[in-house]
């Protein structure tokens, strides 16, 4: 079995997925992982791979590499903002290295629209989360969780 380090995609504080106020993420229906309460304003690639999905509104993206696919969801119910407070930096389909900027976002605008900025990062493919970060994490350098595949 291989272990894959999934880096924090956003500066902030790691939060247990079970504490996310959204059943789909809290009950791990979308996959297992960790959420981040962001202090930063840019979401970067948590692993190297292909940016298989980048929503036009910028609220979420997916990266696939080897046997895993990760979903980074910036905020909750942020699809309803139709891109307000988000700016896509990367392009869907491109190969990205861990730490490559994907989306810029403005927490004040998102919260001003009544949305929670807590951002789940989950593995939607095979693999088991074997360790998780807690406390402050730095985007592109600190390990958010480790996947065993």
N, C-alpha and C. Protein backbone atom coordinates (compact mmCIF):
# COMPACT_ATOMS: atom_id res chain seq x y z
N UNK A 1 0.83 -1.20 0.00
CA UNK A 1 0.00 0.00 0.00
C UNK A 1 0.87 1.25 0.00
N UNK A 2 0.42 2.22 -0.74
CA UNK A 2 1.15 3.49 -0.81
C UNK A 2 0.45 4.54 0.06
N UNK A 3 1.26 5.43 0.59
CA UNK A 3 0.70 6.54 1.36
C UNK A 3 0.87 7.82 0.54
N UNK A 4 -0.20 8.59 0.46
CA UNK A 4 -0.18 9.84 -0.30
C UNK A 4 -0.47 10.98 0.66
N UNK A 5 0.44 11.94 0.68
CA UNK A 5 0.25 13.13 1.51
C UNK A 5 -0.62 14.12 0.74
N UNK A 6 -1.74 14.49 1.34
CA UNK A 6 -2.63 15.49 0.75
C UNK A 6 -2.35 16.80 1.49
N UNK A 7 -1.84 17.79 0.75
CA UNK A 7 -1.49 19.06 1.36
C UNK A 7 -2.72 19.93 1.58
N UNK A 8 -2.62 20.83 2.53
CA UNK A 8 -3.70 21.79 2.74
C UNK A 8 -3.81 22.67 1.50
N UNK A 9 -5.02 22.81 0.93
CA UNK A 9 -5.17 23.67 -0.24
C UNK A 9 -5.36 25.15 0.12
N UNK A 10 -5.63 25.43 1.41
CA UNK A 10 -5.92 26.80 1.84
C UNK A 10 -5.26 27.02 3.19
N UNK A 11 -4.69 28.21 3.39
CA UNK A 11 -4.22 28.57 4.74
C UNK A 11 -5.42 28.62 5.66
N UNK A 12 -5.25 28.12 6.88
CA UNK A 12 -6.35 28.19 7.83
C UNK A 12 -6.18 27.21 8.96
N UNK A 13 -7.31 26.79 9.53
CA UNK A 13 -7.31 25.86 10.65
C UNK A 13 -8.04 24.59 10.26
N UNK A 14 -7.39 23.45 10.47
CA UNK A 14 -8.02 22.16 10.16
C UNK A 14 -9.18 21.91 11.12
N UNK A 15 -10.29 21.42 10.56
CA UNK A 15 -11.50 21.15 11.34
C UNK A 15 -11.97 19.74 10.96
N UNK A 16 -12.38 18.96 11.96
CA UNK A 16 -12.89 17.61 11.68
C UNK A 16 -14.09 17.69 10.75
N UNK A 17 -14.12 16.79 9.78
CA UNK A 17 -15.21 16.76 8.80
C UNK A 17 -16.56 16.62 9.48
N UNK A 18 -16.60 15.86 10.58
CA UNK A 18 -17.86 15.63 11.29
C UNK A 18 -18.45 16.93 11.85
N UNK A 19 -17.63 17.97 11.97
CA UNK A 19 -18.11 19.25 12.52
C UNK A 19 -18.62 20.21 11.44
N UNK A 20 -18.58 19.79 10.19
CA UNK A 20 -19.06 20.63 9.09
C UNK A 20 -20.59 20.63 9.11
N UNK A 21 -21.22 21.83 9.12
CA UNK A 21 -22.69 21.90 9.19
C UNK A 21 -23.38 21.59 7.86
N UNK A 22 -23.04 20.44 7.28
CA UNK A 22 -23.63 19.99 6.03
C UNK A 22 -23.59 18.47 6.08
N UNK A 23 -24.75 17.83 6.03
CA UNK A 23 -24.83 16.38 6.20
C UNK A 23 -23.99 15.60 5.21
N UNK A 24 -23.98 16.04 3.95
CA UNK A 24 -23.25 15.31 2.91
C UNK A 24 -21.78 15.19 3.29
N UNK A 25 -21.19 16.29 3.78
CA UNK A 25 -19.78 16.24 4.17
C UNK A 25 -19.60 15.64 5.56
N UNK A 26 -20.42 16.03 6.53
CA UNK A 26 -20.27 15.56 7.91
C UNK A 26 -20.42 14.05 8.01
N UNK A 27 -21.30 13.48 7.20
CA UNK A 27 -21.51 12.02 7.23
C UNK A 27 -20.64 11.30 6.20
N UNK A 28 -19.72 12.06 5.58
CA UNK A 28 -18.73 11.53 4.64
C UNK A 28 -19.34 10.86 3.41
N UNK A 29 -20.53 11.36 3.00
CA UNK A 29 -21.18 10.81 1.80
C UNK A 29 -20.40 11.20 0.54
N UNK A 30 -19.68 12.33 0.60
CA UNK A 30 -18.90 12.78 -0.56
C UNK A 30 -17.48 12.23 -0.49
N UNK A 31 -17.11 11.60 0.64
CA UNK A 31 -15.77 11.08 0.83
C UNK A 31 -15.23 11.51 2.18
N UNK A 32 -14.10 10.91 2.55
CA UNK A 32 -13.47 11.20 3.84
C UNK A 32 -12.40 12.27 3.65
N UNK A 33 -12.12 13.00 4.70
CA UNK A 33 -11.09 14.02 4.61
C UNK A 33 -11.10 14.93 5.82
N UNK A 34 -10.79 16.20 5.58
CA UNK A 34 -10.70 17.22 6.63
C UNK A 34 -11.22 18.53 6.04
N UNK A 35 -11.84 19.36 6.87
CA UNK A 35 -12.27 20.69 6.41
C UNK A 35 -11.26 21.73 6.91
N UNK A 36 -11.29 22.89 6.28
CA UNK A 36 -10.43 24.00 6.68
C UNK A 36 -11.29 25.24 6.90
N UNK A 37 -11.04 25.92 8.02
CA UNK A 37 -11.62 27.24 8.25
C UNK A 37 -10.57 28.21 7.71
N UNK A 38 -10.82 28.80 6.53
CA UNK A 38 -9.77 29.54 5.83
C UNK A 38 -9.37 30.86 6.49
N UNK A 39 -8.07 31.12 6.45
CA UNK A 39 -7.55 32.45 6.76
C UNK A 39 -6.95 33.04 5.49
N UNK A 40 -6.66 32.18 4.52
CA UNK A 40 -6.10 32.62 3.26
C UNK A 40 -7.17 32.98 2.25
N UNK A 41 -6.74 33.40 1.06
CA UNK A 41 -7.67 33.83 0.03
C UNK A 41 -7.44 33.13 -1.30
N UNK A 42 -6.53 32.14 -1.32
CA UNK A 42 -6.25 31.39 -2.54
C UNK A 42 -6.27 29.91 -2.21
N UNK A 43 -6.97 29.13 -3.04
CA UNK A 43 -6.97 27.68 -2.91
C UNK A 43 -5.99 27.12 -3.93
N UNK A 44 -5.10 26.25 -3.46
CA UNK A 44 -4.08 25.65 -4.32
C UNK A 44 -4.33 24.15 -4.45
N UNK A 45 -3.65 23.53 -5.41
CA UNK A 45 -3.77 22.08 -5.60
C UNK A 45 -3.17 21.35 -4.40
N UNK A 46 -3.94 20.42 -3.78
CA UNK A 46 -3.43 19.68 -2.63
C UNK A 46 -2.50 18.52 -3.01
N UNK A 47 -2.55 18.11 -4.29
CA UNK A 47 -1.67 17.07 -4.81
C UNK A 47 -1.34 17.44 -6.26
N UNK A 48 -0.33 16.78 -6.82
CA UNK A 48 -0.05 16.94 -8.24
C UNK A 48 -0.96 15.99 -9.01
N UNK A 49 -1.49 16.46 -10.12
CA UNK A 49 -2.38 15.62 -10.92
C UNK A 49 -3.10 16.45 -11.96
N UNK A 50 -4.21 15.90 -12.47
CA UNK A 50 -4.99 16.61 -13.48
C UNK A 50 -6.18 17.29 -12.82
N UNK A 51 -6.36 18.55 -13.18
CA UNK A 51 -7.51 19.31 -12.69
C UNK A 51 -8.71 18.85 -13.52
N UNK A 52 -9.38 17.78 -13.03
CA UNK A 52 -10.43 17.14 -13.82
C UNK A 52 -11.74 17.92 -13.80
N UNK A 53 -11.93 18.74 -12.75
CA UNK A 53 -13.15 19.53 -12.67
C UNK A 53 -12.84 20.86 -12.01
N UNK A 54 -13.24 21.94 -12.65
CA UNK A 54 -13.15 23.26 -12.05
C UNK A 54 -14.46 23.95 -12.38
N UNK A 55 -15.31 24.08 -11.37
CA UNK A 55 -16.63 24.66 -11.61
C UNK A 55 -16.48 26.10 -12.08
N UNK A 56 -17.28 26.51 -13.09
CA UNK A 56 -17.17 27.87 -13.62
C UNK A 56 -17.29 28.94 -12.54
N UNK A 57 -18.11 28.67 -11.52
CA UNK A 57 -18.27 29.64 -10.44
C UNK A 57 -17.14 29.66 -9.44
N UNK A 58 -16.20 28.70 -9.54
CA UNK A 58 -15.02 28.69 -8.70
C UNK A 58 -15.21 28.12 -7.31
N UNK A 59 -16.41 27.66 -6.98
CA UNK A 59 -16.68 27.23 -5.60
C UNK A 59 -16.10 25.85 -5.27
N UNK A 60 -15.70 25.08 -6.29
CA UNK A 60 -15.19 23.74 -6.04
C UNK A 60 -14.34 23.27 -7.21
N UNK A 61 -13.40 22.34 -6.90
CA UNK A 61 -12.62 21.72 -7.96
C UNK A 61 -12.21 20.32 -7.56
N UNK A 62 -11.88 19.52 -8.57
CA UNK A 62 -11.46 18.14 -8.35
C UNK A 62 -10.14 17.88 -9.05
N UNK A 63 -9.27 17.13 -8.38
CA UNK A 63 -7.96 16.77 -8.94
C UNK A 63 -7.82 15.26 -8.86
N UNK A 64 -7.40 14.65 -9.97
CA UNK A 64 -7.20 13.21 -10.01
C UNK A 64 -5.73 12.89 -10.24
N UNK A 65 -5.25 11.87 -9.52
CA UNK A 65 -3.88 11.39 -9.70
C UNK A 65 -3.87 9.92 -9.31
N UNK A 66 -3.25 9.10 -10.13
CA UNK A 66 -3.15 7.67 -9.85
C UNK A 66 -4.54 7.11 -9.52
N UNK A 67 -4.70 6.59 -8.31
CA UNK A 67 -5.97 5.96 -7.94
C UNK A 67 -6.86 6.86 -7.11
N UNK A 68 -6.50 8.13 -6.99
CA UNK A 68 -7.29 8.98 -6.08
C UNK A 68 -7.88 10.18 -6.81
N UNK A 69 -8.98 10.65 -6.28
CA UNK A 69 -9.56 11.90 -6.73
C UNK A 69 -9.95 12.70 -5.50
N UNK A 70 -9.53 13.94 -5.49
CA UNK A 70 -9.82 14.82 -4.37
C UNK A 70 -10.76 15.92 -4.80
N UNK A 71 -11.66 16.28 -3.88
CA UNK A 71 -12.57 17.39 -4.12
C UNK A 71 -12.28 18.46 -3.07
N UNK A 72 -12.10 19.69 -3.53
CA UNK A 72 -11.95 20.83 -2.63
C UNK A 72 -13.19 21.69 -2.84
N UNK A 73 -13.96 21.88 -1.78
CA UNK A 73 -15.21 22.64 -1.86
C UNK A 73 -15.05 23.88 -0.99
N UNK A 74 -14.98 25.05 -1.62
CA UNK A 74 -14.73 26.29 -0.88
C UNK A 74 -16.06 26.82 -0.35
N UNK A 75 -16.25 26.67 0.95
CA UNK A 75 -17.50 27.10 1.57
C UNK A 75 -18.61 26.09 1.36
N UNK A 76 -19.75 26.36 1.97
CA UNK A 76 -20.92 25.49 1.87
C UNK A 76 -22.04 26.22 1.14
N UNK A 77 -22.71 25.50 0.23
CA UNK A 77 -23.79 26.08 -0.58
C UNK A 77 -23.31 27.27 -1.41
N UNK A 78 -22.01 27.33 -1.68
CA UNK A 78 -21.45 28.47 -2.41
C UNK A 78 -21.73 28.40 -3.91
N UNK A 79 -22.24 27.27 -4.39
CA UNK A 79 -22.65 27.18 -5.79
C UNK A 79 -23.74 28.22 -6.07
N UNK A 80 -24.52 28.54 -5.04
CA UNK A 80 -25.63 29.49 -5.18
C UNK A 80 -25.14 30.92 -5.45
N UNK A 81 -23.85 31.18 -5.23
CA UNK A 81 -23.31 32.53 -5.47
C UNK A 81 -22.99 32.78 -6.93
N UNK A 82 -23.02 31.73 -7.75
CA UNK A 82 -22.75 31.86 -9.19
C UNK A 82 -21.45 32.61 -9.47
N UNK A 83 -20.43 32.34 -8.68
CA UNK A 83 -19.12 32.94 -8.94
C UNK A 83 -18.83 34.21 -8.18
N UNK A 84 -19.83 34.81 -7.52
CA UNK A 84 -19.59 36.03 -6.75
C UNK A 84 -18.63 35.73 -5.61
N UNK A 85 -17.52 36.46 -5.56
CA UNK A 85 -16.52 36.25 -4.52
C UNK A 85 -15.45 35.25 -4.90
N UNK A 86 -15.53 34.70 -6.12
CA UNK A 86 -14.56 33.70 -6.59
C UNK A 86 -13.93 34.13 -7.92
N UNK A 87 -12.68 33.74 -8.12
CA UNK A 87 -12.00 33.97 -9.41
C UNK A 87 -11.16 32.75 -9.73
N UNK A 88 -11.48 32.08 -10.84
CA UNK A 88 -10.69 30.91 -11.26
C UNK A 88 -9.35 31.38 -11.80
N UNK A 89 -8.28 30.73 -11.33
CA UNK A 89 -6.92 31.06 -11.79
C UNK A 89 -6.45 29.99 -12.78
N UNK A 90 -6.72 28.72 -12.45
CA UNK A 90 -6.29 27.60 -13.29
C UNK A 90 -7.37 27.29 -14.34
N UNK A 91 -7.09 26.30 -15.18
CA UNK A 91 -8.00 25.90 -16.25
C UNK A 91 -8.31 24.42 -16.14
N UNK A 92 -9.59 24.08 -16.24
CA UNK A 92 -9.98 22.67 -16.17
C UNK A 92 -9.22 21.88 -17.23
N UNK A 93 -8.73 20.70 -16.84
CA UNK A 93 -8.01 19.84 -17.78
C UNK A 93 -6.50 19.99 -17.71
N UNK A 94 -6.00 21.03 -17.07
CA UNK A 94 -4.56 21.22 -17.02
C UNK A 94 -3.93 20.33 -15.96
N UNK A 95 -2.63 20.00 -16.17
CA UNK A 95 -1.87 19.28 -15.15
C UNK A 95 -1.37 20.31 -14.15
N UNK A 96 -1.55 20.02 -12.87
CA UNK A 96 -1.11 20.95 -11.83
C UNK A 96 -0.18 20.23 -10.87
N UNK A 97 0.77 20.97 -10.35
CA UNK A 97 1.64 20.47 -9.30
C UNK A 97 1.03 20.88 -7.96
N UNK A 98 1.32 20.13 -6.91
CA UNK A 98 0.86 20.50 -5.57
C UNK A 98 1.32 21.93 -5.29
N UNK A 99 0.41 22.76 -4.82
CA UNK A 99 0.74 24.15 -4.53
C UNK A 99 0.38 25.13 -5.64
N UNK A 100 -0.03 24.62 -6.82
CA UNK A 100 -0.43 25.49 -7.92
C UNK A 100 -1.73 26.21 -7.56
N UNK A 101 -1.77 27.54 -7.67
CA UNK A 101 -3.02 28.27 -7.37
C UNK A 101 -4.14 27.86 -8.34
N UNK A 102 -5.32 27.59 -7.77
CA UNK A 102 -6.47 27.16 -8.58
C UNK A 102 -7.57 28.23 -8.57
N UNK A 103 -7.94 28.70 -7.37
CA UNK A 103 -9.05 29.65 -7.24
C UNK A 103 -8.69 30.71 -6.20
N UNK A 104 -9.03 31.95 -6.51
CA UNK A 104 -8.92 33.04 -5.52
C UNK A 104 -10.33 33.30 -5.01
N UNK A 105 -10.46 33.57 -3.70
CA UNK A 105 -11.80 33.82 -3.16
C UNK A 105 -11.74 34.90 -2.10
N UNK A 106 -12.88 35.53 -1.86
CA UNK A 106 -12.97 36.63 -0.90
C UNK A 106 -13.93 36.24 0.21
N UNK A 107 -13.37 35.91 1.38
CA UNK A 107 -14.18 35.44 2.50
C UNK A 107 -15.25 36.45 2.89
N UNK A 108 -14.90 37.74 2.89
CA UNK A 108 -15.87 38.77 3.32
C UNK A 108 -17.09 38.79 2.40
N UNK A 109 -16.86 38.67 1.09
CA UNK A 109 -17.98 38.67 0.14
C UNK A 109 -18.84 37.42 0.34
N UNK A 110 -18.18 36.26 0.49
CA UNK A 110 -18.91 35.00 0.65
C UNK A 110 -19.75 35.02 1.92
N UNK A 111 -19.14 35.45 3.03
CA UNK A 111 -19.89 35.52 4.29
C UNK A 111 -20.95 36.61 4.25
N UNK A 112 -20.66 37.67 3.51
CA UNK A 112 -21.63 38.75 3.36
C UNK A 112 -22.90 38.30 2.64
N UNK A 113 -22.75 37.23 1.85
CA UNK A 113 -23.91 36.64 1.14
C UNK A 113 -24.56 35.56 2.00
N UNK A 114 -24.12 35.43 3.26
CA UNK A 114 -24.75 34.49 4.18
C UNK A 114 -24.26 33.07 4.09
N UNK A 115 -23.12 32.85 3.46
CA UNK A 115 -22.60 31.49 3.31
C UNK A 115 -21.50 31.20 4.33
N UNK A 116 -21.41 29.93 4.72
CA UNK A 116 -20.35 29.47 5.61
C UNK A 116 -19.10 29.21 4.78
N UNK A 117 -17.94 29.69 5.24
CA UNK A 117 -16.71 29.57 4.44
C UNK A 117 -15.94 28.28 4.76
N UNK A 118 -16.35 27.53 5.76
CA UNK A 118 -15.70 26.27 6.09
C UNK A 118 -15.59 25.43 4.82
N UNK A 119 -14.38 24.93 4.53
CA UNK A 119 -14.10 24.32 3.22
C UNK A 119 -13.67 22.86 3.34
N UNK A 120 -14.56 21.91 2.99
CA UNK A 120 -14.21 20.49 3.05
C UNK A 120 -13.23 20.09 1.93
N UNK A 121 -12.29 19.23 2.28
CA UNK A 121 -11.36 18.63 1.32
C UNK A 121 -11.51 17.13 1.51
N UNK A 122 -12.02 16.44 0.48
CA UNK A 122 -12.34 15.02 0.63
C UNK A 122 -11.77 14.19 -0.51
N UNK A 123 -11.52 12.93 -0.20
CA UNK A 123 -11.10 11.96 -1.20
C UNK A 123 -12.34 11.21 -1.66
N UNK A 124 -12.63 11.30 -2.95
CA UNK A 124 -13.86 10.66 -3.45
C UNK A 124 -13.57 9.31 -4.09
N UNK A 125 -12.29 8.94 -4.16
CA UNK A 125 -11.94 7.67 -4.79
C UNK A 125 -11.58 6.62 -3.76
N UNK A 126 -10.77 5.66 -4.19
CA UNK A 126 -10.30 4.64 -3.27
C UNK A 126 -9.33 5.26 -2.28
N UNK A 127 -9.07 4.53 -1.24
CA UNK A 127 -8.10 5.02 -0.27
C UNK A 127 -8.75 5.24 1.08
N UNK A 128 -7.92 5.14 2.10
CA UNK A 128 -8.38 5.31 3.48
C UNK A 128 -7.56 6.42 4.12
N UNK A 129 -8.24 7.32 4.81
CA UNK A 129 -7.53 8.38 5.52
C UNK A 129 -6.92 7.75 6.78
N UNK A 130 -5.58 7.82 6.89
CA UNK A 130 -4.91 7.18 8.03
C UNK A 130 -4.39 8.18 9.06
N UNK A 131 -4.31 9.45 8.69
CA UNK A 131 -3.98 10.48 9.69
C UNK A 131 -4.51 11.82 9.20
N UNK A 132 -4.80 12.71 10.16
CA UNK A 132 -5.39 14.01 9.85
C UNK A 132 -4.67 15.10 10.63
N UNK A 133 -4.58 16.26 10.02
CA UNK A 133 -3.99 17.41 10.70
C UNK A 133 -5.01 18.00 11.68
N UNK A 134 -4.49 18.75 12.65
CA UNK A 134 -5.36 19.55 13.50
C UNK A 134 -4.63 20.87 13.73
N UNK A 135 -5.40 21.91 14.00
CA UNK A 135 -4.78 23.22 14.22
C UNK A 135 -4.44 23.92 12.92
N UNK A 136 -3.54 24.91 12.98
CA UNK A 136 -3.22 25.72 11.81
C UNK A 136 -2.51 24.92 10.70
N UNK A 137 -2.88 25.19 9.45
CA UNK A 137 -2.23 24.58 8.29
C UNK A 137 -1.90 25.64 7.26
N UNK A 138 -0.78 25.42 6.55
CA UNK A 138 -0.34 26.36 5.52
C UNK A 138 -0.53 25.71 4.16
N UNK A 139 -1.19 26.43 3.27
CA UNK A 139 -1.48 25.92 1.93
C UNK A 139 -0.21 25.54 1.19
N UNK A 140 -0.27 24.37 0.55
CA UNK A 140 0.83 23.94 -0.31
C UNK A 140 2.05 23.40 0.41
N UNK A 141 2.06 23.44 1.76
CA UNK A 141 3.23 22.91 2.46
C UNK A 141 2.86 21.95 3.59
N UNK A 142 1.81 22.22 4.35
CA UNK A 142 1.45 21.33 5.46
C UNK A 142 0.54 20.21 4.99
N UNK A 143 0.76 19.01 5.53
CA UNK A 143 -0.07 17.85 5.18
C UNK A 143 -1.41 17.98 5.92
N UNK A 144 -2.50 17.94 5.15
CA UNK A 144 -3.84 18.03 5.73
C UNK A 144 -4.31 16.65 6.19
N UNK A 145 -4.09 15.65 5.31
CA UNK A 145 -4.35 14.26 5.69
C UNK A 145 -3.52 13.33 4.83
N UNK A 146 -3.37 12.10 5.31
CA UNK A 146 -2.62 11.09 4.59
C UNK A 146 -3.59 9.99 4.14
N UNK A 147 -3.52 9.66 2.87
CA UNK A 147 -4.36 8.60 2.28
C UNK A 147 -3.51 7.36 2.07
N UNK A 148 -4.08 6.21 2.39
CA UNK A 148 -3.42 4.95 2.10
C UNK A 148 -4.21 4.29 0.98
N UNK A 149 -3.54 3.99 -0.11
CA UNK A 149 -4.21 3.38 -1.28
C UNK A 149 -3.50 2.11 -1.71
